[in-house]
PDB file of N, CA and C in Angstrom:
ATOM      1  N   MET A   1     -15.076 -55.035   8.927  1.00  0.00           N
ATOM      2  CA  MET A   1     -15.887 -53.926   8.462  1.00  0.00           C
ATOM      3  C   MET A   1     -15.170 -52.626   8.824  1.00  0.00           C
ATOM      4  N   ASN A   2     -15.145 -51.724   7.893  1.00  0.00           N
ATOM      5  CA  ASN A   2     -14.565 -50.398   8.092  1.00  0.00           C
ATOM      6  C   ASN A   2     -15.445 -49.622   9.067  1.00  0.00           C
ATOM      7  N   PRO A   3     -14.866 -49.010  10.115  1.00  0.00           N
ATOM      8  CA  PRO A   3     -15.680 -48.290  11.098  1.00  0.00           C
ATOM      9  C   PRO A   3     -16.496 -47.142  10.496  1.00  0.00           C
ATOM     10  N   ASN A   4     -16.057 -46.604   9.360  1.00  0.00           N
ATOM     11  CA  ASN A   4     -16.787 -45.502   8.722  1.00  0.00           C
ATOM     12  C   ASN A   4     -17.869 -45.993   7.771  1.00  0.00           C
ATOM     13  N   GLN A   5     -17.971 -47.290   7.583  1.00  0.00           N
ATOM     14  CA  GLN A   5     -18.917 -47.868   6.638  1.00  0.00           C
ATOM     15  C   GLN A   5     -20.280 -48.088   7.294  1.00  0.00           C
ATOM     16  N   ASP A   6     -21.315 -47.908   6.507  1.00  0.00           N
ATOM     17  CA  ASP A   6     -22.679 -48.146   6.976  1.00  0.00           C
ATOM     18  C   ASP A   6     -22.877 -49.652   7.187  1.00  0.00           C
ATOM     19  N   PRO A   7     -23.195 -50.070   8.412  1.00  0.00           N
ATOM     20  CA  PRO A   7     -23.346 -51.508   8.673  1.00  0.00           C
ATOM     21  C   PRO A   7     -24.405 -52.182   7.793  1.00  0.00           C
ATOM     22  N   LYS A   8     -25.535 -51.512   7.553  1.00  0.00           N
ATOM     23  CA  LYS A   8     -26.585 -52.134   6.723  1.00  0.00           C
ATOM     24  C   LYS A   8     -26.074 -52.406   5.315  1.00  0.00           C
ATOM     25  N   ALA A   9     -25.365 -51.448   4.739  1.00  0.00           N
ATOM     26  CA  ALA A   9     -24.824 -51.624   3.387  1.00  0.00           C
ATOM     27  C   ALA A   9     -23.769 -52.723   3.370  1.00  0.00           C
ATOM     28  N   PHE A  10     -22.914 -52.738   4.393  1.00  0.00           N
ATOM     29  CA  PHE A  10     -21.874 -53.754   4.479  1.00  0.00           C
ATOM     30  C   PHE A  10     -22.483 -55.150   4.538  1.00  0.00           C
ATOM     31  N   TYR A  11     -23.456 -55.347   5.424  1.00  0.00           N
ATOM     32  CA  TYR A  11     -24.057 -56.675   5.588  1.00  0.00           C
ATOM     33  C   TYR A  11     -24.892 -57.073   4.376  1.00  0.00           C
ATOM     34  N   ALA A  12     -25.527 -56.127   3.714  1.00  0.00           N
ATOM     35  CA  ALA A  12     -26.291 -56.434   2.493  1.00  0.00           C
ATOM     36  C   ALA A  12     -25.341 -56.934   1.398  1.00  0.00           C
ATOM     37  N   LYS A  13     -24.190 -56.274   1.268  1.00  0.00           N
ATOM     38  CA  LYS A  13     -23.206 -56.694   0.270  1.00  0.00           C
ATOM     39  C   LYS A  13     -22.624 -58.056   0.631  1.00  0.00           C
ATOM     40  N   LEU A  14     -22.332 -58.263   1.911  1.00  0.00           N
ATOM     41  CA  LEU A  14     -21.806 -59.553   2.359  1.00  0.00           C
ATOM     42  C   LEU A  14     -22.801 -60.671   2.063  1.00  0.00           C
ATOM     43  N   LYS A  15     -24.071 -60.442   2.357  1.00  0.00           N
ATOM     44  CA  LYS A  15     -25.089 -61.469   2.099  1.00  0.00           C
ATOM     45  C   LYS A  15     -25.136 -61.826   0.619  1.00  0.00           C
ATOM     46  N   GLU A  16     -25.092 -60.815  -0.226  1.00  0.00           N
ATOM     47  CA  GLU A  16     -25.118 -61.048  -1.670  1.00  0.00           C
ATOM     48  C   GLU A  16     -23.904 -61.876  -2.098  1.00  0.00           C
ATOM     49  N   GLN A  17     -22.735 -61.539  -1.581  1.00  0.00           N
ATOM     50  CA  GLN A  17     -21.523 -62.283  -1.913  1.00  0.00           C
ATOM     51  C   GLN A  17     -21.603 -63.726  -1.424  1.00  0.00           C
ATOM     52  N   LEU A  18     -22.120 -63.927  -0.235  1.00  0.00           N
ATOM     53  CA  LEU A  18     -22.242 -65.288   0.302  1.00  0.00           C
ATOM     54  C   LEU A  18     -23.217 -66.127  -0.513  1.00  0.00           C
ATOM     55  N   LEU A  19     -24.313 -65.523  -0.941  1.00  0.00           N
ATOM     56  CA  LEU A  19     -25.279 -66.244  -1.770  1.00  0.00           C
ATOM     57  C   LEU A  19     -24.676 -66.619  -3.117  1.00  0.00           C
ATOM     58  N   ASP A  20     -23.836 -65.736  -3.666  1.00  0.00           N
ATOM     59  CA  ASP A  20     -23.232 -65.973  -4.982  1.00  0.00           C
ATOM     60  C   ASP A  20     -22.092 -66.980  -4.955  1.00  0.00           C
ATOM     61  N   THR A  21     -21.409 -67.111  -3.822  1.00  0.00           N
ATOM     62  CA  THR A  21     -20.179 -67.907  -3.811  1.00  0.00           C
ATOM     63  C   THR A  21     -20.278 -69.243  -3.077  1.00  0.00           C
ATOM     64  N   SER A  22     -21.370 -69.507  -2.391  1.00  0.00           N
ATOM     65  CA  SER A  22     -21.466 -70.740  -1.603  1.00  0.00           C
ATOM     66  C   SER A  22     -22.832 -71.381  -1.750  1.00  0.00           C
ATOM     67  N   THR A  23     -22.866 -72.693  -1.522  1.00  0.00           N
ATOM     68  CA  THR A  23     -24.142 -73.388  -1.396  1.00  0.00           C
ATOM     69  C   THR A  23     -24.338 -73.643   0.091  1.00  0.00           C
ATOM     70  N   TRP A  24     -25.549 -73.493   0.545  1.00  0.00           N
ATOM     71  CA  TRP A  24     -25.835 -73.539   1.983  1.00  0.00           C
ATOM     72  C   TRP A  24     -26.638 -74.759   2.337  1.00  0.00           C
ATOM     73  N   PRO A  25     -26.371 -75.364   3.520  1.00  0.00           N
ATOM     74  CA  PRO A  25     -25.409 -74.989   4.558  1.00  0.00           C
ATOM     75  C   PRO A  25     -23.979 -75.158   4.056  1.00  0.00           C
ATOM     76  N   SER A  26     -23.061 -74.426   4.689  1.00  0.00           N
ATOM     77  CA  SER A  26     -21.678 -74.406   4.249  1.00  0.00           C
ATOM     78  C   SER A  26     -20.731 -74.121   5.419  1.00  0.00           C
ATOM     79  N   GLU A  27     -19.473 -74.567   5.257  1.00  0.00           N
ATOM     80  CA  GLU A  27     -18.434 -74.201   6.216  1.00  0.00           C
ATOM     81  C   GLU A  27     -18.117 -72.723   6.008  1.00  0.00           C
ATOM     82  N   TYR A  28     -17.908 -72.004   7.106  1.00  0.00           N
ATOM     83  CA  TYR A  28     -17.547 -70.595   7.015  1.00  0.00           C
ATOM     84  C   TYR A  28     -16.405 -70.329   7.984  1.00  0.00           C
ATOM     85  N   LEU A  29     -15.434 -69.540   7.542  1.00  0.00           N
ATOM     86  CA  LEU A  29     -14.288 -69.200   8.367  1.00  0.00           C
ATOM     87  C   LEU A  29     -14.388 -67.741   8.799  1.00  0.00           C
ATOM     88  N   TYR A  30     -14.570 -67.549  10.094  1.00  0.00           N
ATOM     89  CA  TYR A  30     -14.572 -66.208  10.685  1.00  0.00           C
ATOM     90  C   TYR A  30     -13.158 -65.896  11.142  1.00  0.00           C
ATOM     91  N   LYS A  31     -12.764 -64.620  11.005  1.00  0.00           N
ATOM     92  CA  LYS A  31     -11.476 -64.180  11.541  1.00  0.00           C
ATOM     93  C   LYS A  31     -11.685 -62.861  12.269  1.00  0.00           C
ATOM     94  N   PHE A  32     -11.167 -62.829  13.484  1.00  0.00           N
ATOM     95  CA  PHE A  32     -11.280 -61.628  14.316  1.00  0.00           C
ATOM     96  C   PHE A  32      -9.916 -61.307  14.906  1.00  0.00           C
ATOM     97  N   ILE A  33      -9.693 -60.034  15.189  1.00  0.00           N
ATOM     98  CA  ILE A  33      -8.498 -59.598  15.900  1.00  0.00           C
ATOM     99  C   ILE A  33      -8.954 -58.780  17.099  1.00  0.00           C
ATOM    100  N   VAL A  34      -8.378 -59.100  18.260  1.00  0.00           N
ATOM    101  CA  VAL A  34      -8.684 -58.364  19.497  1.00  0.00           C
ATOM    102  C   VAL A  34      -7.383 -58.128  20.255  1.00  0.00           C
ATOM    103  N   LEU A  35      -7.417 -57.132  21.147  1.00  0.00           N
ATOM    104  CA  LEU A  35      -6.306 -56.977  22.067  1.00  0.00           C
ATOM    105  C   LEU A  35      -6.172 -58.277  22.849  1.00  0.00           C
ATOM    106  N   THR A  36      -4.957 -58.690  23.139  1.00  0.00           N
ATOM    107  CA  THR A  36      -4.762 -59.934  23.886  1.00  0.00           C
ATOM    108  C   THR A  36      -5.319 -59.741  25.288  1.00  0.00           C
ATOM    109  N   ASP A  37      -6.478 -60.337  25.491  1.00  0.00           N
ATOM    110  CA  ASP A  37      -7.224 -60.229  26.743  1.00  0.00           C
ATOM    111  C   ASP A  37      -8.078 -61.486  26.831  1.00  0.00           C
ATOM    112  N   ALA A  38      -7.834 -62.307  27.826  1.00  0.00           N
ATOM    113  CA  ALA A  38      -8.539 -63.585  27.959  1.00  0.00           C
ATOM    114  C   ALA A  38     -10.056 -63.408  27.975  1.00  0.00           C
ATOM    115  N   THR A  39     -10.541 -62.317  28.559  1.00  0.00           N
ATOM    116  CA  THR A  39     -11.989 -62.073  28.617  1.00  0.00           C
ATOM    117  C   THR A  39     -12.558 -61.852  27.225  1.00  0.00           C
ATOM    118  N   LYS A  40     -11.884 -61.043  26.411  1.00  0.00           N
ATOM    119  CA  LYS A  40     -12.365 -60.771  25.054  1.00  0.00           C
ATOM    120  C   LYS A  40     -12.344 -62.035  24.198  1.00  0.00           C
ATOM    121  N   ILE A  41     -11.278 -62.804  24.326  1.00  0.00           N
ATOM    122  CA  ILE A  41     -11.177 -64.047  23.559  1.00  0.00           C
ATOM    123  C   ILE A  41     -12.288 -65.006  23.976  1.00  0.00           C
ATOM    124  N   LYS A  42     -12.539 -65.108  25.258  1.00  0.00           N
ATOM    125  CA  LYS A  42     -13.620 -65.982  25.754  1.00  0.00           C
ATOM    126  C   LYS A  42     -14.979 -65.506  25.264  1.00  0.00           C
ATOM    127  N   GLN A  43     -15.198 -64.191  25.203  1.00  0.00           N
ATOM    128  CA  GLN A  43     -16.474 -63.661  24.703  1.00  0.00           C
ATOM    129  C   GLN A  43     -16.703 -64.112  23.262  1.00  0.00           C
ATOM    130  N   ILE A  44     -15.657 -64.079  22.452  1.00  0.00           N
ATOM    131  CA  ILE A  44     -15.786 -64.536  21.057  1.00  0.00           C
ATOM    132  C   ILE A  44     -16.081 -66.026  21.026  1.00  0.00           C
ATOM    133  N   GLU A  45     -15.319 -66.796  21.784  1.00  0.00           N
ATOM    134  CA  GLU A  45     -15.521 -68.254  21.802  1.00  0.00           C
ATOM    135  C   GLU A  45     -16.927 -68.611  22.255  1.00  0.00           C
ATOM    136  N   ASP A  46     -17.453 -67.892  23.234  1.00  0.00           N
ATOM    137  CA  ASP A  46     -18.792 -68.183  23.764  1.00  0.00           C
ATOM    138  C   ASP A  46     -19.886 -67.999  22.726  1.00  0.00           C
ATOM    139  N   VAL A  47     -19.706 -67.070  21.786  1.00  0.00           N
ATOM    140  CA  VAL A  47     -20.714 -66.853  20.737  1.00  0.00           C
ATOM    141  C   VAL A  47     -20.858 -68.107  19.869  1.00  0.00           C
ATOM    142  N   PHE A  48     -19.785 -68.878  19.749  1.00  0.00           N
ATOM    143  CA  PHE A  48     -19.803 -70.069  18.896  1.00  0.00           C
ATOM    144  C   PHE A  48     -19.896 -71.364  19.686  1.00  0.00           C
ATOM    145  N   ASP A  49     -20.182 -71.264  20.988  1.00  0.00           N
ATOM    146  CA  ASP A  49     -20.307 -72.427  21.852  1.00  0.00           C
ATOM    147  C   ASP A  49     -21.451 -73.313  21.374  1.00  0.00           C
ATOM    148  N   ASN A  50     -21.262 -74.606  21.430  1.00  0.00           N
ATOM    149  CA  ASN A  50     -22.276 -75.611  21.065  1.00  0.00           C
ATOM    150  C   ASN A  50     -22.621 -75.628  19.583  1.00  0.00           C
ATOM    151  N   LEU A  51     -21.748 -75.100  18.729  1.00  0.00           N
ATOM    152  CA  LEU A  51     -21.978 -75.144  17.282  1.00  0.00           C
ATOM    153  C   LEU A  51     -21.009 -76.094  16.581  1.00  0.00           C
ATOM    154  N   GLY A  52     -20.143 -76.740  17.347  1.00  0.00           N
ATOM    155  CA  GLY A  52     -19.155 -77.635  16.758  1.00  0.00           C
ATOM    156  C   GLY A  52     -18.044 -76.884  16.046  1.00  0.00           C
ATOM    157  N   ALA A  53     -17.799 -75.649  16.441  1.00  0.00           N
ATOM    158  CA  ALA A  53     -16.788 -74.818  15.793  1.00  0.00           C
ATOM    159  C   ALA A  53     -15.381 -75.255  16.176  1.00  0.00           C
ATOM    160  N   VAL A  54     -14.468 -75.116  15.215  1.00  0.00           N
ATOM    161  CA  VAL A  54     -13.049 -75.315  15.467  1.00  0.00           C
ATOM    162  C   VAL A  54     -12.451 -73.912  15.626  1.00  0.00           C
ATOM    163  N   ILE A  55     -11.914 -73.639  16.812  1.00  0.00           N
ATOM    164  CA  ILE A  55     -11.418 -72.307  17.135  1.00  0.00           C
ATOM    165  C   ILE A  55      -9.911 -72.356  17.357  1.00  0.00           C
ATOM    166  N   ASN A  56      -9.207 -71.469  16.648  1.00  0.00           N
ATOM    167  CA  ASN A  56      -7.759 -71.350  16.795  1.00  0.00           C
ATOM    168  C   ASN A  56      -7.417 -69.914  17.141  1.00  0.00           C
ATOM    169  N   THR A  57      -6.466 -69.750  18.056  1.00  0.00           N
ATOM    170  CA  THR A  57      -6.004 -68.412  18.418  1.00  0.00           C
ATOM    171  C   THR A  57      -4.504 -68.337  18.184  1.00  0.00           C
ATOM    172  N   LYS A  58      -4.037 -67.130  17.849  1.00  0.00           N
ATOM    173  CA  LYS A  58      -2.610 -66.917  17.639  1.00  0.00           C
ATOM    174  C   LYS A  58      -2.272 -65.500  18.062  1.00  0.00           C
ATOM    175  N   ALA A  59      -1.325 -65.378  18.962  1.00  0.00           N
ATOM    176  CA  ALA A  59      -0.881 -64.060  19.424  1.00  0.00           C
ATOM    177  C   ALA A  59       0.028 -63.434  18.372  1.00  0.00           C
ATOM    178  N   SER A  60      -0.037 -62.111  18.275  1.00  0.00           N
ATOM    179  CA  SER A  60       0.859 -61.389  17.375  1.00  0.00           C
ATOM    180  C   SER A  60       2.293 -61.514  17.875  1.00  0.00           C
ATOM    181  N   SER A  61       3.248 -61.125  17.049  1.00  0.00           N
ATOM    182  CA  SER A  61       4.657 -61.288  17.416  1.00  0.00           C
ATOM    183  C   SER A  61       5.022 -60.526  18.690  1.00  0.00           C
ATOM    184  N   ASN A  62       4.375 -59.390  18.918  1.00  0.00           N
ATOM    185  CA  ASN A  62       4.669 -58.642  20.146  1.00  0.00           C
ATOM    186  C   ASN A  62       3.696 -58.979  21.281  1.00  0.00           C
ATOM    187  N   GLY A  63       2.716 -59.832  21.001  1.00  0.00           N
ATOM    188  CA  GLY A  63       1.782 -60.275  22.026  1.00  0.00           C
ATOM    189  C   GLY A  63       0.666 -59.296  22.356  1.00  0.00           C
ATOM    190  N   LYS A  64       0.617 -58.178  21.660  1.00  0.00           N
ATOM    191  CA  LYS A  64      -0.403 -57.166  21.968  1.00  0.00           C
ATOM    192  C   LYS A  64      -1.783 -57.574  21.456  1.00  0.00           C
ATOM    193  N   TYR A  65      -1.821 -58.250  20.317  1.00  0.00           N
ATOM    194  CA  TYR A  65      -3.090 -58.651  19.709  1.00  0.00           C
ATOM    195  C   TYR A  65      -3.155 -60.162  19.560  1.00  0.00           C
ATOM    196  N   THR A  66      -4.372 -60.672  19.476  1.00  0.00           N
ATOM    197  CA  THR A  66      -4.595 -62.090  19.223  1.00  0.00           C
ATOM    198  C   THR A  66      -5.584 -62.226  18.078  1.00  0.00           C
ATOM    199  N   SER A  67      -5.250 -63.096  17.127  1.00  0.00           N
ATOM    200  CA  SER A  67      -6.202 -63.410  16.068  1.00  0.00           C
ATOM    201  C   SER A  67      -6.984 -64.649  16.491  1.00  0.00           C
ATOM    202  N   VAL A  68      -8.264 -64.623  16.216  1.00  0.00           N
ATOM    203  CA  VAL A  68      -9.147 -65.735  16.552  1.00  0.00           C
ATOM    204  C   VAL A  68      -9.806 -66.183  15.252  1.00  0.00           C
ATOM    205  N   SER A  69      -9.531 -67.420  14.842  1.00  0.00           N
ATOM    206  CA  SER A  69     -10.122 -67.994  13.639  1.00  0.00           C
ATOM    207  C   SER A  69     -11.119 -69.058  14.054  1.00  0.00           C
ATOM    208  N   ILE A  70     -12.307 -69.003  13.455  1.00  0.00           N
ATOM    209  CA  ILE A  70     -13.368 -69.938  13.809  1.00  0.00           C
ATOM    210  C   ILE A  70     -13.912 -70.556  12.535  1.00  0.00           C
ATOM    211  N   ASP A  71     -13.786 -71.871  12.429  1.00  0.00           N
ATOM    212  CA  ASP A  71     -14.306 -72.612  11.285  1.00  0.00           C
ATOM    213  C   ASP A  71     -15.548 -73.351  11.761  1.00  0.00           C
ATOM    214  N   VAL A  72     -16.683 -73.036  11.150  1.00  0.00           N
ATOM    215  CA  VAL A  72     -17.937 -73.585  11.649  1.00  0.00           C
ATOM    216  C   VAL A  72     -18.937 -73.775  10.504  1.00  0.00           C
ATOM    217  N   GLN A  73     -19.775 -74.781  10.630  1.00  0.00           N
ATOM    218  CA  GLN A  73     -20.840 -75.030   9.661  1.00  0.00           C
ATOM    219  C   GLN A  73     -21.986 -74.056   9.946  1.00  0.00           C
ATOM    220  N   MET A  74     -22.357 -73.277   8.937  1.00  0.00           N
ATOM    221  CA  MET A  74     -23.461 -72.317   9.087  1.00  0.00           C
ATOM    222  C   MET A  74     -24.565 -72.681   8.111  1.00  0.00           C
ATOM    223  N   LYS A  75     -25.827 -72.412   8.511  1.00  0.00           N
ATOM    224  CA  LYS A  75     -26.942 -72.858   7.669  1.00  0.00           C
ATOM    225  C   LYS A  75     -27.265 -71.921   6.517  1.00  0.00           C
ATOM    226  N   ASN A  76     -26.963 -70.619   6.663  1.00  0.00           N
ATOM    227  CA  ASN A  76     -27.264 -69.684   5.582  1.00  0.00           C
ATOM    228  C   ASN A  76     -26.549 -68.344   5.822  1.00  0.00           C
ATOM    229  N   PRO A  77     -26.541 -67.457   4.829  1.00  0.00           N
ATOM    230  CA  PRO A  77     -25.872 -66.164   5.005  1.00  0.00           C
ATOM    231  C   PRO A  77     -26.413 -65.340   6.171  1.00  0.00           C
ATOM    232  N   ASP A  78     -27.701 -65.429   6.445  1.00  0.00           N
ATOM    233  CA  ASP A  78     -28.264 -64.678   7.570  1.00  0.00           C
ATOM    234  C   ASP A  78     -27.669 -65.135   8.897  1.00  0.00           C
ATOM    235  N   ALA A  79     -27.409 -66.441   9.022  1.00  0.00           N
ATOM    236  CA  ALA A  79     -26.789 -66.966  10.244  1.00  0.00           C
ATOM    237  C   ALA A  79     -25.346 -66.463  10.366  1.00  0.00           C
ATOM    238  N   VAL A  80     -24.632 -66.404   9.241  1.00  0.00           N
ATOM    239  CA  VAL A  80     -23.258 -65.885   9.234  1.00  0.00           C
ATOM    240  C   VAL A  80     -23.251 -64.438   9.715  1.00  0.00           C
ATOM    241  N   ILE A  81     -24.111 -63.631   9.137  1.00  0.00           N
ATOM    242  CA  ILE A  81     -24.194 -62.212   9.475  1.00  0.00           C
ATOM    243  C   ILE A  81     -24.627 -62.023  10.921  1.00  0.00           C
ATOM    244  N   GLY A  82     -25.548 -62.851  11.383  1.00  0.00           N
ATOM    245  CA  GLY A  82     -26.011 -62.772  12.769  1.00  0.00           C
ATOM    246  C   GLY A  82     -24.870 -62.937  13.766  1.00  0.00           C
ATOM    247  N   LYS A  83     -23.934 -63.836  13.467  1.00  0.00           N
ATOM    248  CA  LYS A  83     -22.785 -64.037  14.360  1.00  0.00           C
ATOM    249  C   LYS A  83     -21.858 -62.818  14.337  1.00  0.00           C
ATOM    250  N   TYR A  84     -21.635 -62.247  13.150  1.00  0.00           N
ATOM    251  CA  TYR A  84     -20.824 -61.014  13.081  1.00  0.00           C
ATOM    252  C   TYR A  84     -21.451 -59.913  13.930  1.00  0.00           C
ATOM    253  N   GLN A  85     -22.761 -59.765  13.828  1.00  0.00           N
ATOM    254  CA  GLN A  85     -23.454 -58.722  14.588  1.00  0.00           C
ATOM    255  C   GLN A  85     -23.385 -58.995  16.086  1.00  0.00           C
ATOM    256  N   GLU A  86     -23.526 -60.255  16.463  1.00  0.00           N
ATOM    257  CA  GLU A  86     -23.457 -60.624  17.876  1.00  0.00           C
ATOM    258  C   GLU A  86     -22.066 -60.330  18.452  1.00  0.00           C
ATOM    259  N   ILE A  87     -21.031 -60.655  17.692  1.00  0.00           N
ATOM    260  CA  ILE A  87     -19.659 -60.369  18.131  1.00  0.00           C
ATOM    261  C   ILE A  87     -19.468 -58.861  18.283  1.00  0.00           C
ATOM    262  N   ALA A  88     -19.924 -58.092  17.304  1.00  0.00           N
ATOM    263  CA  ALA A  88     -19.760 -56.634  17.346  1.00  0.00           C
ATOM    264  C   ALA A  88     -20.442 -56.030  18.572  1.00  0.00           C
ATOM    265  N   GLU A  89     -21.584 -56.596  18.972  1.00  0.00           N
ATOM    266  CA  GLU A  89     -22.315 -56.095  20.134  1.00  0.00           C
ATOM    267  C   GLU A  89     -21.634 -56.482  21.453  1.00  0.00           C
ATOM    268  N   LYS A  90     -21.055 -57.672  21.508  1.00  0.00           N
ATOM    269  CA  LYS A  90     -20.571 -58.212  22.780  1.00  0.00           C
ATOM    270  C   LYS A  90     -19.091 -57.946  23.063  1.00  0.00           C
ATOM    271  N   VAL A  91     -18.290 -57.764  22.014  1.00  0.00           N
ATOM    272  CA  VAL A  91     -16.847 -57.673  22.215  1.00  0.00           C
ATOM    273  C   VAL A  91     -16.353 -56.289  21.779  1.00  0.00           C
ATOM    274  N   GLU A  92     -16.005 -55.494  22.760  1.00  0.00           N
ATOM    275  CA  GLU A  92     -15.551 -54.129  22.484  1.00  0.00           C
ATOM    276  C   GLU A  92     -14.185 -54.143  21.804  1.00  0.00           C
ATOM    277  N   GLY A  93     -14.060 -53.356  20.733  1.00  0.00           N
ATOM    278  CA  GLY A  93     -12.777 -53.196  20.056  1.00  0.00           C
ATOM    279  C   GLY A  93     -12.401 -54.321  19.110  1.00  0.00           C
ATOM    280  N   VAL A  94     -13.307 -55.248  18.829  1.00  0.00           N
ATOM    281  CA  VAL A  94     -12.994 -56.355  17.939  1.00  0.00           C
ATOM    282  C   VAL A  94     -12.906 -55.852  16.499  1.00  0.00           C
ATOM    283  N   ILE A  95     -11.998 -56.448  15.740  1.00  0.00           N
ATOM    284  CA  ILE A  95     -11.871 -56.165  14.314  1.00  0.00           C
ATOM    285  C   ILE A  95     -12.260 -57.451  13.585  1.00  0.00           C
ATOM    286  N   SER A  96     -13.228 -57.338  12.695  1.00  0.00           N
ATOM    287  CA  SER A  96     -13.668 -58.492  11.890  1.00  0.00           C
ATOM    288  C   SER A  96     -12.976 -58.432  10.542  1.00  0.00           C
ATOM    289  N   LEU A  97     -12.422 -59.561  10.130  1.00  0.00           N
ATOM    290  CA  LEU A  97     -11.739 -59.606   8.832  1.00  0.00           C
ATOM    291  C   LEU A  97     -12.569 -60.383   7.825  1.00  0.00           C
TER     292      LEU A  97
END
């Protein structure tokens, strides 16, 4: 999400796109970028704990940033959006892709 964008408008558009492009429940792939910091990465992983998520991390070439990809079964677009909001609240400086 663009930092200058209205979160309500962004999530409303995302929900509409998810409803149009997927049947629910469905697999969903989250992608986040954070500064390489074990605490931040753990905070992201903890949001998806006990959901059966497959989590992969990859450090950037210079090691400054880490991408975190999470593949998980979600029940509906509201659940997808809820996780994005939870990450935004708990992990400072995270970039959602």
